[in-house]
Structures are given as C-alpha cells and as structure tokens.
Amino acid sequence: MNPNTAKTEVFTAISALLEDKSIVVAEDLPLIGSDSVLDSMNLVELCLALEDKAAELGFEFDWTSDAAMSKSRSMFRTAGALAAEFLSQMESKK
C-alpha cells in the first residue's frame, strides 16, 4: 500500500465517525484536545476500525503505546500524525 492509500484509509475512517459531515478531514485536523472533532468514544471506535483495517492488510496496529495519549507527541494529535503512524507501523511490521 502506498502512503497516499494509507492516508486515505485513515482519513476515511475518521470521516465516517464525524457527526458534522461538513468537516473536511485534513492533515492538521485535531483528534485530541479541546479542538478535537471526535469525543473519546469516537476515538476508541476509530482505533478499533484501524485495528480491523490493519488486520486486513496483514499487520497489527498498536494504538496503546505510552506515547499514544501524550498530547505533545501522540499519534492522535492530528489526522496527519495518525495516518503517518499507521503507515509507519504497516511498513515496519510487514
């Protein structure tokens, strides 16, 4: 899977969980913090959806690392950061 396809998969998963369908998922869309577009339940649903997608692609997506919920370095800072982490894990675990 190329980087653009991985990003599309992550952005599509995020978009599916948005209540406000007018929001465009972009690199800098915040996923945690006060400006987040997802609540905590949606964030868990997103992680489970990405686990399922990773399984389809033949790797295990680990979203439970110590850094995952660190606001400053979390993969959940933005949609772009999450897509980059998904791609990184996919490439390293294949």
PDB file of N, CA and C in Angstrom:
ATOM      1  N   MET A   1       0.855  -1.182   0.000  1.00  0.00           N
ATOM      2  CA  MET A   1       0.000   0.000   0.000  1.00  0.00           C
ATOM      3  C   MET A   1       0.893   1.234   0.000  1.00  0.00           C
ATOM      4  N   ASN A   2       0.577   2.157  -0.858  1.00  0.00           N
ATOM      5  CA  ASN A   2       1.397   3.372  -0.896  1.00  0.00           C
ATOM      6  C   ASN A   2       0.949   4.360   0.173  1.00  0.00           C
ATOM      7  N   PRO A   3       1.783   5.351   0.469  1.00  0.00           N
ATOM      8  CA  PRO A   3       1.455   6.308   1.535  1.00  0.00           C
ATOM      9  C   PRO A   3       0.119   7.026   1.333  1.00  0.00           C
ATOM     10  N   ASN A   4      -0.212   7.368   0.105  1.00  0.00           N
ATOM     11  CA  ASN A   4      -1.481   8.067  -0.130  1.00  0.00           C
ATOM     12  C   ASN A   4      -2.679   7.176   0.150  1.00  0.00           C
ATOM     13  N   THR A   5      -2.569   5.897  -0.170  1.00  0.00           N
ATOM     14  CA  THR A   5      -3.655   4.964   0.097  1.00  0.00           C
ATOM     15  C   THR A   5      -3.829   4.779   1.604  1.00  0.00           C
ATOM     16  N   ALA A   6      -2.741   4.661   2.333  1.00  0.00           N
ATOM     17  CA  ALA A   6      -2.816   4.526   3.792  1.00  0.00           C
ATOM     18  C   ALA A   6      -3.468   5.762   4.394  1.00  0.00           C
ATOM     19  N   LYS A   7      -3.068   6.933   3.923  1.00  0.00           N
ATOM     20  CA  LYS A   7      -3.650   8.183   4.433  1.00  0.00           C
ATOM     21  C   LYS A   7      -5.148   8.226   4.125  1.00  0.00           C
ATOM     22  N   THR A   8      -5.519   7.817   2.923  1.00  0.00           N
ATOM     23  CA  THR A   8      -6.933   7.804   2.552  1.00  0.00           C
ATOM     24  C   THR A   8      -7.728   6.877   3.463  1.00  0.00           C
ATOM     25  N   GLU A   9      -7.177   5.709   3.773  1.00  0.00           N
ATOM     26  CA  GLU A   9      -7.855   4.754   4.668  1.00  0.00           C
ATOM     27  C   GLU A   9      -8.102   5.379   6.042  1.00  0.00           C
ATOM     28  N   VAL A  10      -7.081   6.029   6.592  1.00  0.00           N
ATOM     29  CA  VAL A  10      -7.203   6.655   7.916  1.00  0.00           C
ATOM     30  C   VAL A  10      -8.187   7.817   7.858  1.00  0.00           C
ATOM     31  N   PHE A  11      -8.061   8.680   6.859  1.00  0.00           N
ATOM     32  CA  PHE A  11      -8.952   9.835   6.743  1.00  0.00           C
ATOM     33  C   PHE A  11     -10.405   9.391   6.545  1.00  0.00           C
ATOM     34  N   THR A  12     -10.618   8.317   5.796  1.00  0.00           N
ATOM     35  CA  THR A  12     -11.970   7.785   5.582  1.00  0.00           C
ATOM     36  C   THR A  12     -12.556   7.261   6.889  1.00  0.00           C
ATOM     37  N   ALA A  13     -11.725   6.571   7.677  1.00  0.00           N
ATOM     38  CA  ALA A  13     -12.180   6.055   8.976  1.00  0.00           C
ATOM     39  C   ALA A  13     -12.568   7.201   9.909  1.00  0.00           C
ATOM     40  N   ILE A  14     -11.791   8.278   9.888  1.00  0.00           N
ATOM     41  CA  ILE A  14     -12.108   9.451  10.711  1.00  0.00           C
ATOM     42  C   ILE A  14     -13.413  10.076  10.239  1.00  0.00           C
ATOM     43  N   SER A  15     -13.511  10.281   8.942  1.00  0.00           N
ATOM     44  CA  SER A  15     -14.692  10.921   8.357  1.00  0.00           C
ATOM     45  C   SER A  15     -15.971  10.171   8.693  1.00  0.00           C
ATOM     46  N   ALA A  16     -15.904   8.840   8.703  1.00  0.00           N
ATOM     47  CA  ALA A  16     -17.080   8.017   8.994  1.00  0.00           C
ATOM     48  C   ALA A  16     -17.615   8.259  10.401  1.00  0.00           C
ATOM     49  N   LEU A  17     -16.752   8.720  11.314  1.00  0.00           N
ATOM     50  CA  LEU A  17     -17.154   8.917  12.709  1.00  0.00           C
ATOM     51  C   LEU A  17     -17.573  10.350  13.035  1.00  0.00           C
ATOM     52  N   LEU A  18     -17.422  11.254  12.099  1.00  0.00           N
ATOM     53  CA  LEU A  18     -17.755  12.653  12.354  1.00  0.00           C
ATOM     54  C   LEU A  18     -19.264  12.874  12.335  1.00  0.00           C
ATOM     55  N   GLU A  19     -19.755  13.547  13.365  1.00  0.00           N
ATOM     56  CA  GLU A  19     -21.173  13.895  13.386  1.00  0.00           C
ATOM     57  C   GLU A  19     -21.450  15.006  12.374  1.00  0.00           C
ATOM     58  N   ASP A  20     -20.537  15.963  12.293  1.00  0.00           N
ATOM     59  CA  ASP A  20     -20.673  17.085  11.368  1.00  0.00           C
ATOM     60  C   ASP A  20     -20.024  16.687  10.046  1.00  0.00           C
ATOM     61  N   LYS A  21     -20.836  16.259   9.102  1.00  0.00           N
ATOM     62  CA  LYS A  21     -20.323  15.750   7.826  1.00  0.00           C
ATOM     63  C   LYS A  21     -19.752  16.857   6.939  1.00  0.00           C
ATOM     64  N   SER A  22     -19.880  18.118   7.354  1.00  0.00           N
ATOM     65  CA  SER A  22     -19.306  19.211   6.566  1.00  0.00           C
ATOM     66  C   SER A  22     -17.815  19.394   6.857  1.00  0.00           C
ATOM     67  N   ILE A  23     -17.322  18.740   7.903  1.00  0.00           N
ATOM     68  CA  ILE A  23     -15.906  18.846   8.256  1.00  0.00           C
ATOM     69  C   ILE A  23     -15.082  18.062   7.243  1.00  0.00           C
ATOM     70  N   VAL A  24     -14.064  18.711   6.719  1.00  0.00           N
ATOM     71  CA  VAL A  24     -13.156  18.063   5.777  1.00  0.00           C
ATOM     72  C   VAL A  24     -11.958  17.544   6.570  1.00  0.00           C
ATOM     73  N   VAL A  25     -11.681  16.258   6.451  1.00  0.00           N
ATOM     74  CA  VAL A  25     -10.538  15.666   7.150  1.00  0.00           C
ATOM     75  C   VAL A  25      -9.274  16.048   6.396  1.00  0.00           C
ATOM     76  N   ALA A  26      -8.389  16.761   7.090  1.00  0.00           N
ATOM     77  CA  ALA A  26      -7.129  17.213   6.517  1.00  0.00           C
ATOM     78  C   ALA A  26      -6.004  16.871   7.477  1.00  0.00           C
ATOM     79  N   GLU A  27      -4.771  17.032   7.006  1.00  0.00           N
ATOM     80  CA  GLU A  27      -3.572  16.710   7.801  1.00  0.00           C
ATOM     81  C   GLU A  27      -3.616  17.293   9.207  1.00  0.00           C
ATOM     82  N   ASP A  28      -4.048  18.547   9.330  1.00  0.00           N
ATOM     83  CA  ASP A  28      -3.959  19.256  10.610  1.00  0.00           C
ATOM     84  C   ASP A  28      -5.230  19.181  11.459  1.00  0.00           C
ATOM     85  N   LEU A  29      -6.172  18.319  11.100  1.00  0.00           N
ATOM     86  CA  LEU A  29      -7.403  18.178  11.871  1.00  0.00           C
ATOM     87  C   LEU A  29      -7.088  17.568  13.235  1.00  0.00           C
ATOM     88  N   PRO A  30      -7.371  18.285  14.343  1.00  0.00           N
ATOM     89  CA  PRO A  30      -7.037  17.754  15.674  1.00  0.00           C
ATOM     90  C   PRO A  30      -7.962  16.618  16.098  1.00  0.00           C
ATOM     91  N   LEU A  31      -7.364  15.568  16.642  1.00  0.00           N
ATOM     92  CA  LEU A  31      -8.137  14.411  17.105  1.00  0.00           C
ATOM     93  C   LEU A  31      -8.213  14.323  18.624  1.00  0.00           C
ATOM     94  N   ILE A  32      -7.311  15.022  19.324  1.00  0.00           N
ATOM     95  CA  ILE A  32      -7.378  15.091  20.788  1.00  0.00           C
ATOM     96  C   ILE A  32      -7.228  16.545  21.199  1.00  0.00           C
ATOM     97  N   GLY A  33      -7.615  16.834  22.425  1.00  0.00           N
ATOM     98  CA  GLY A  33      -7.508  18.195  22.941  1.00  0.00           C
ATOM     99  C   GLY A  33      -8.827  18.944  22.803  1.00  0.00           C
ATOM    100  N   SER A  34      -8.815  20.191  23.179  1.00  0.00           N
ATOM    101  CA  SER A  34     -10.046  20.983  23.220  1.00  0.00           C
ATOM    102  C   SER A  34     -10.638  21.250  21.842  1.00  0.00           C
ATOM    103  N   ASP A  35      -9.835  21.197  20.804  1.00  0.00           N
ATOM    104  CA  ASP A  35     -10.327  21.437  19.446  1.00  0.00           C
ATOM    105  C   ASP A  35     -10.662  20.148  18.697  1.00  0.00           C
ATOM    106  N   SER A  36     -10.635  19.029  19.390  1.00  0.00           N
ATOM    107  CA  SER A  36     -10.852  17.733  18.750  1.00  0.00           C
ATOM    108  C   SER A  36     -12.235  17.647  18.108  1.00  0.00           C
ATOM    109  N   VAL A  37     -12.288  16.964  16.976  1.00  0.00           N
ATOM    110  CA  VAL A  37     -13.562  16.746  16.295  1.00  0.00           C
ATOM    111  C   VAL A  37     -14.215  15.433  16.723  1.00  0.00           C
ATOM    112  N   LEU A  38     -13.488  14.629  17.519  1.00  0.00           N
ATOM    113  CA  LEU A  38     -14.001  13.343  17.987  1.00  0.00           C
ATOM    114  C   LEU A  38     -14.064  13.331  19.510  1.00  0.00           C
ATOM    115  N   ASP A  39     -15.112  12.728  20.053  1.00  0.00           N
ATOM    116  CA  ASP A  39     -15.128  12.538  21.502  1.00  0.00           C
ATOM    117  C   ASP A  39     -14.381  11.244  21.824  1.00  0.00           C
ATOM    118  N   SER A  40     -14.246  10.933  23.100  1.00  0.00           N
ATOM    119  CA  SER A  40     -13.428   9.788  23.494  1.00  0.00           C
ATOM    120  C   SER A  40     -13.979   8.469  22.958  1.00  0.00           C
ATOM    121  N   MET A  41     -15.292   8.321  22.895  1.00  0.00           N
ATOM    122  CA  MET A  41     -15.875   7.082  22.351  1.00  0.00           C
ATOM    123  C   MET A  41     -15.576   6.961  20.861  1.00  0.00           C
ATOM    124  N   ASN A  42     -15.674   8.079  20.135  1.00  0.00           N
ATOM    125  CA  ASN A  42     -15.348   8.051  18.705  1.00  0.00           C
ATOM    126  C   ASN A  42     -13.878   7.707  18.492  1.00  0.00           C
ATOM    127  N   LEU A  43     -13.017   8.191  19.372  1.00  0.00           N
ATOM    128  CA  LEU A  43     -11.594   7.903  19.247  1.00  0.00           C
ATOM    129  C   LEU A  43     -11.327   6.405  19.424  1.00  0.00           C
ATOM    130  N   VAL A  44     -12.007   5.792  20.371  1.00  0.00           N
ATOM    131  CA  VAL A  44     -11.869   4.345  20.569  1.00  0.00           C
ATOM    132  C   VAL A  44     -12.413   3.603  19.347  1.00  0.00           C
ATOM    133  N   GLU A  45     -13.570   4.044  18.832  1.00  0.00           N
ATOM    134  CA  GLU A  45     -14.136   3.420  17.632  1.00  0.00           C
ATOM    135  C   GLU A  45     -13.175   3.537  16.449  1.00  0.00           C
ATOM    136  N   LEU A  46     -12.510   4.684  16.338  1.00  0.00           N
ATOM    137  CA  LEU A  46     -11.529   4.891  15.276  1.00  0.00           C
ATOM    138  C   LEU A  46     -10.378   3.899  15.413  1.00  0.00           C
ATOM    139  N   CYS A  47      -9.885   3.735  16.626  1.00  0.00           N
ATOM    140  CA  CYS A  47      -8.778   2.808  16.863  1.00  0.00           C
ATOM    141  C   CYS A  47      -9.174   1.378  16.516  1.00  0.00           C
ATOM    142  N   LEU A  48     -10.376   0.994  16.869  1.00  0.00           N
ATOM    143  CA  LEU A  48     -10.844  -0.356  16.562  1.00  0.00           C
ATOM    144  C   LEU A  48     -11.009  -0.542  15.050  1.00  0.00           C
ATOM    145  N   ALA A  49     -11.498   0.493  14.374  1.00  0.00           N
ATOM    146  CA  ALA A  49     -11.635   0.426  12.914  1.00  0.00           C
ATOM    147  C   ALA A  49     -10.266   0.289  12.256  1.00  0.00           C
ATOM    148  N   LEU A  50      -9.278   1.012  12.785  1.00  0.00           N
ATOM    149  CA  LEU A  50      -7.931   0.931  12.222  1.00  0.00           C
ATOM    150  C   LEU A  50      -7.282  -0.417  12.541  1.00  0.00           C
ATOM    151  N   GLU A  51      -7.599  -0.990  13.696  1.00  0.00           N
ATOM    152  CA  GLU A  51      -7.124  -2.344  14.004  1.00  0.00           C
ATOM    153  C   GLU A  51      -7.659  -3.328  12.972  1.00  0.00           C
ATOM    154  N   ASP A  52      -8.950  -3.208  12.663  1.00  0.00           N
ATOM    155  CA  ASP A  52      -9.566  -4.097  11.670  1.00  0.00           C
ATOM    156  C   ASP A  52      -8.929  -3.911  10.295  1.00  0.00           C
ATOM    157  N   LYS A  53      -8.718  -2.664   9.890  1.00  0.00           N
ATOM    158  CA  LYS A  53      -8.105  -2.379   8.593  1.00  0.00           C
ATOM    159  C   LYS A  53      -6.684  -2.936   8.555  1.00  0.00           C
ATOM    160  N   ALA A  54      -5.944  -2.772   9.649  1.00  0.00           N
ATOM    161  CA  ALA A  54      -4.583  -3.301   9.711  1.00  0.00           C
ATOM    162  C   ALA A  54      -4.587  -4.821   9.577  1.00  0.00           C
ATOM    163  N   ALA A  55      -5.529  -5.477  10.229  1.00  0.00           N
ATOM    164  CA  ALA A  55      -5.622  -6.941  10.131  1.00  0.00           C
ATOM    165  C   ALA A  55      -5.872  -7.366   8.688  1.00  0.00           C
ATOM    166  N   GLU A  56      -6.725  -6.626   7.980  1.00  0.00           N
ATOM    167  CA  GLU A  56      -6.975  -6.907   6.560  1.00  0.00           C
ATOM    168  C   GLU A  56      -5.688  -6.774   5.749  1.00  0.00           C
ATOM    169  N   LEU A  57      -4.824  -5.849   6.167  1.00  0.00           N
ATOM    170  CA  LEU A  57      -3.586  -5.562   5.445  1.00  0.00           C
ATOM    171  C   LEU A  57      -2.413  -6.422   5.923  1.00  0.00           C
ATOM    172  N   GLY A  58      -2.657  -7.239   6.946  1.00  0.00           N
ATOM    173  CA  GLY A  58      -1.643  -8.177   7.382  1.00  0.00           C
ATOM    174  C   GLY A  58      -0.678  -7.681   8.450  1.00  0.00           C
ATOM    175  N   PHE A  59      -1.091  -6.711   9.242  1.00  0.00           N
ATOM    176  CA  PHE A  59      -0.252  -6.288  10.355  1.00  0.00           C
ATOM    177  C   PHE A  59      -1.129  -5.905  11.536  1.00  0.00           C
ATOM    178  N   GLU A  60      -0.497  -5.743  12.700  1.00  0.00           N
ATOM    179  CA  GLU A  60      -1.220  -5.378  13.911  1.00  0.00           C
ATOM    180  C   GLU A  60      -0.961  -3.912  14.222  1.00  0.00           C
ATOM    181  N   PHE A  61      -2.023  -3.122  14.293  1.00  0.00           N
ATOM    182  CA  PHE A  61      -1.901  -1.698  14.606  1.00  0.00           C
ATOM    183  C   PHE A  61      -1.920  -1.522  16.115  1.00  0.00           C
ATOM    184  N   ASP A  62      -0.828  -0.978  16.681  1.00  0.00           N
ATOM    185  CA  ASP A  62      -0.722  -0.766  18.129  1.00  0.00           C
ATOM    186  C   ASP A  62      -0.989   0.697  18.441  1.00  0.00           C
ATOM    187  N   TRP A  63      -2.157   0.962  19.009  1.00  0.00           N
ATOM    188  CA  TRP A  63      -2.505   2.330  19.376  1.00  0.00           C
ATOM    189  C   TRP A  63      -2.438   2.541  20.885  1.00  0.00           C
ATOM    190  N   THR A  64      -1.831   1.589  21.596  1.00  0.00           N
ATOM    191  CA  THR A  64      -1.813   1.647  23.064  1.00  0.00           C
ATOM    192  C   THR A  64      -0.446   1.984  23.640  1.00  0.00           C
ATOM    193  N   SER A  65       0.459   2.502  22.837  1.00  0.00           N
ATOM    194  CA  SER A  65       1.807   2.804  23.334  1.00  0.00           C
ATOM    195  C   SER A  65       1.770   3.926  24.373  1.00  0.00           C
ATOM    196  N   ASP A  66       2.861   4.030  25.126  1.00  0.00           N
ATOM    197  CA  ASP A  66       2.953   5.078  26.143  1.00  0.00           C
ATOM    198  C   ASP A  66       2.795   6.473  25.536  1.00  0.00           C
ATOM    199  N   ALA A  67       3.305   6.646  24.329  1.00  0.00           N
ATOM    200  CA  ALA A  67       3.251   7.960  23.685  1.00  0.00           C
ATOM    201  C   ALA A  67       1.890   8.252  23.056  1.00  0.00           C
ATOM    202  N   ALA A  68       1.046   7.247  22.929  1.00  0.00           N
ATOM    203  CA  ALA A  68      -0.211   7.424  22.196  1.00  0.00           C
ATOM    204  C   ALA A  68      -1.070   8.553  22.746  1.00  0.00           C
ATOM    205  N   MET A  69      -1.174   8.669  24.044  1.00  0.00           N
ATOM    206  CA  MET A  69      -2.032   9.693  24.623  1.00  0.00           C
ATOM    207  C   MET A  69      -1.273  10.918  25.133  1.00  0.00           C
ATOM    208  N   SER A  70       0.012  10.977  24.918  1.00  0.00           N
ATOM    209  CA  SER A  70       0.776  12.165  25.258  1.00  0.00           C
ATOM    210  C   SER A  70       0.382  13.262  24.284  1.00  0.00           C
ATOM    211  N   LYS A  71      -0.139  14.356  24.793  1.00  0.00           N
ATOM    212  CA  LYS A  71      -0.651  15.400  23.902  1.00  0.00           C
ATOM    213  C   LYS A  71       0.427  15.967  22.990  1.00  0.00           C
ATOM    214  N   SER A  72       1.662  16.044  23.460  1.00  0.00           N
ATOM    215  CA  SER A  72       2.710  16.667  22.666  1.00  0.00           C
ATOM    216  C   SER A  72       3.265  15.764  21.569  1.00  0.00           C
ATOM    217  N   ARG A  73       3.254  14.435  21.785  1.00  0.00           N
ATOM    218  CA  ARG A  73       3.842  13.565  20.771  1.00  0.00           C
ATOM    219  C   ARG A  73       2.921  12.421  20.354  1.00  0.00           C
ATOM    220  N   SER A  74       1.672  12.505  20.712  1.00  0.00           N
ATOM    221  CA  SER A  74       0.714  11.454  20.408  1.00  0.00           C
ATOM    222  C   SER A  74       0.451  11.318  18.919  1.00  0.00           C
ATOM    223  N   MET A  75       0.236  10.070  18.502  1.00  0.00           N
ATOM    224  CA  MET A  75      -0.182   9.828  17.127  1.00  0.00           C
ATOM    225  C   MET A  75      -1.579  10.387  16.883  1.00  0.00           C
ATOM    226  N   PHE A  76      -2.282  10.737  17.939  1.00  0.00           N
ATOM    227  CA  PHE A  76      -3.636  11.262  17.825  1.00  0.00           C
ATOM    228  C   PHE A  76      -3.704  12.787  17.805  1.00  0.00           C
ATOM    229  N   ARG A  77      -2.545  13.455  17.742  1.00  0.00           N
ATOM    230  CA  ARG A  77      -2.539  14.929  17.687  1.00  0.00           C
ATOM    231  C   ARG A  77      -3.391  15.427  16.525  1.00  0.00           C
ATOM    232  N   THR A  78      -3.136  14.863  15.369  1.00  0.00           N
ATOM    233  CA  THR A  78      -3.840  15.291  14.150  1.00  0.00           C
ATOM    234  C   THR A  78      -4.123  14.064  13.273  1.00  0.00           C
ATOM    235  N   ALA A  79      -5.010  14.273  12.316  1.00  0.00           N
ATOM    236  CA  ALA A  79      -5.304  13.209  11.358  1.00  0.00           C
ATOM    237  C   ALA A  79      -4.039  12.818  10.598  1.00  0.00           C
ATOM    238  N   GLY A  80      -3.223  13.787  10.253  1.00  0.00           N
ATOM    239  CA  GLY A  80      -1.984  13.513   9.531  1.00  0.00           C
ATOM    240  C   GLY A  80      -1.004  12.696  10.350  1.00  0.00           C
ATOM    241  N   ALA A  81      -0.888  13.015  11.651  1.00  0.00           N
ATOM    242  CA  ALA A  81       0.012  12.264  12.531  1.00  0.00           C
ATOM    243  C   ALA A  81      -0.455  10.817  12.664  1.00  0.00           C
ATOM    244  N   LEU A  82      -1.769  10.622  12.753  1.00  0.00           N
ATOM    245  CA  LEU A  82      -2.303   9.263  12.861  1.00  0.00           C
ATOM    246  C   LEU A  82      -2.059   8.490  11.566  1.00  0.00           C
ATOM    247  N   ALA A  83      -2.269   9.126  10.435  1.00  0.00           N
ATOM    248  CA  ALA A  83      -2.022   8.466   9.147  1.00  0.00           C
ATOM    249  C   ALA A  83      -0.545   8.088   9.012  1.00  0.00           C
ATOM    250  N   ALA A  84       0.346   8.972   9.434  1.00  0.00           N
ATOM    251  CA  ALA A  84       1.783   8.705   9.360  1.00  0.00           C
ATOM    252  C   ALA A  84       2.160   7.527  10.252  1.00  0.00           C
ATOM    253  N   GLU A  85       1.589   7.466  11.443  1.00  0.00           N
ATOM    254  CA  GLU A  85       1.878   6.358  12.359  1.00  0.00           C
ATOM    255  C   GLU A  85       1.322   5.041  11.818  1.00  0.00           C
ATOM    256  N   PHE A  86       0.129   5.077  11.260  1.00  0.00           N
ATOM    257  CA  PHE A  86      -0.474   3.876  10.671  1.00  0.00           C
ATOM    258  C   PHE A  86       0.429   3.334   9.564  1.00  0.00           C
ATOM    259  N   LEU A  87       0.876   4.229   8.702  1.00  0.00           N
ATOM    260  CA  LEU A  87       1.765   3.836   7.595  1.00  0.00           C
ATOM    261  C   LEU A  87       3.101   3.299   8.135  1.00  0.00           C
ATOM    262  N   SER A  88       3.657   3.962   9.126  1.00  0.00           N
ATOM    263  CA  SER A  88       4.919   3.537   9.714  1.00  0.00           C
ATOM    264  C   SER A  88       4.808   2.127  10.300  1.00  0.00           C
ATOM    265  N   GLN A  89       3.733   1.886  11.043  1.00  0.00           N
ATOM    266  CA  GLN A  89       3.542   0.566  11.639  1.00  0.00           C
ATOM    267  C   GLN A  89       3.323  -0.483  10.553  1.00  0.00           C
ATOM    268  N   MET A  90       2.594  -0.111   9.520  1.00  0.00           N
ATOM    269  CA  MET A  90       2.347  -1.043   8.427  1.00  0.00           C
ATOM    270  C   MET A  90       3.656  -1.439   7.750  1.00  0.00           C
ATOM    271  N   GLU A  91       4.489  -0.458   7.495  1.00  0.00           N
ATOM    272  CA  GLU A  91       5.751  -0.715   6.804  1.00  0.00           C
ATOM    273  C   GLU A  91       6.747  -1.501   7.665  1.00  0.00           C
ATOM    274  N   SER A  92       6.730  -1.265   8.986  1.00  0.00           N
ATOM    275  CA  SER A  92       7.697  -1.933   9.855  1.00  0.00           C
ATOM    276  C   SER A  92       7.274  -3.342  10.265  1.00  0.00           C
ATOM    277  N   LYS A  93       6.009  -3.667  10.148  1.00  0.00           N
ATOM    278  CA  LYS A  93       5.537  -4.965  10.637  1.00  0.00           C
ATOM    279  C   LYS A  93       5.195  -5.942   9.521  1.00  0.00           C
ATOM    280  N   LYS A  94       5.399  -5.558   8.305  1.00  0.00           N
ATOM    281  CA  LYS A  94       5.107  -6.476   7.192  1.00  0.00           C
ATOM    282  C   LYS A  94       6.270  -7.391   6.963  1.00  0.00           C
TER     283      LYS A  94
END
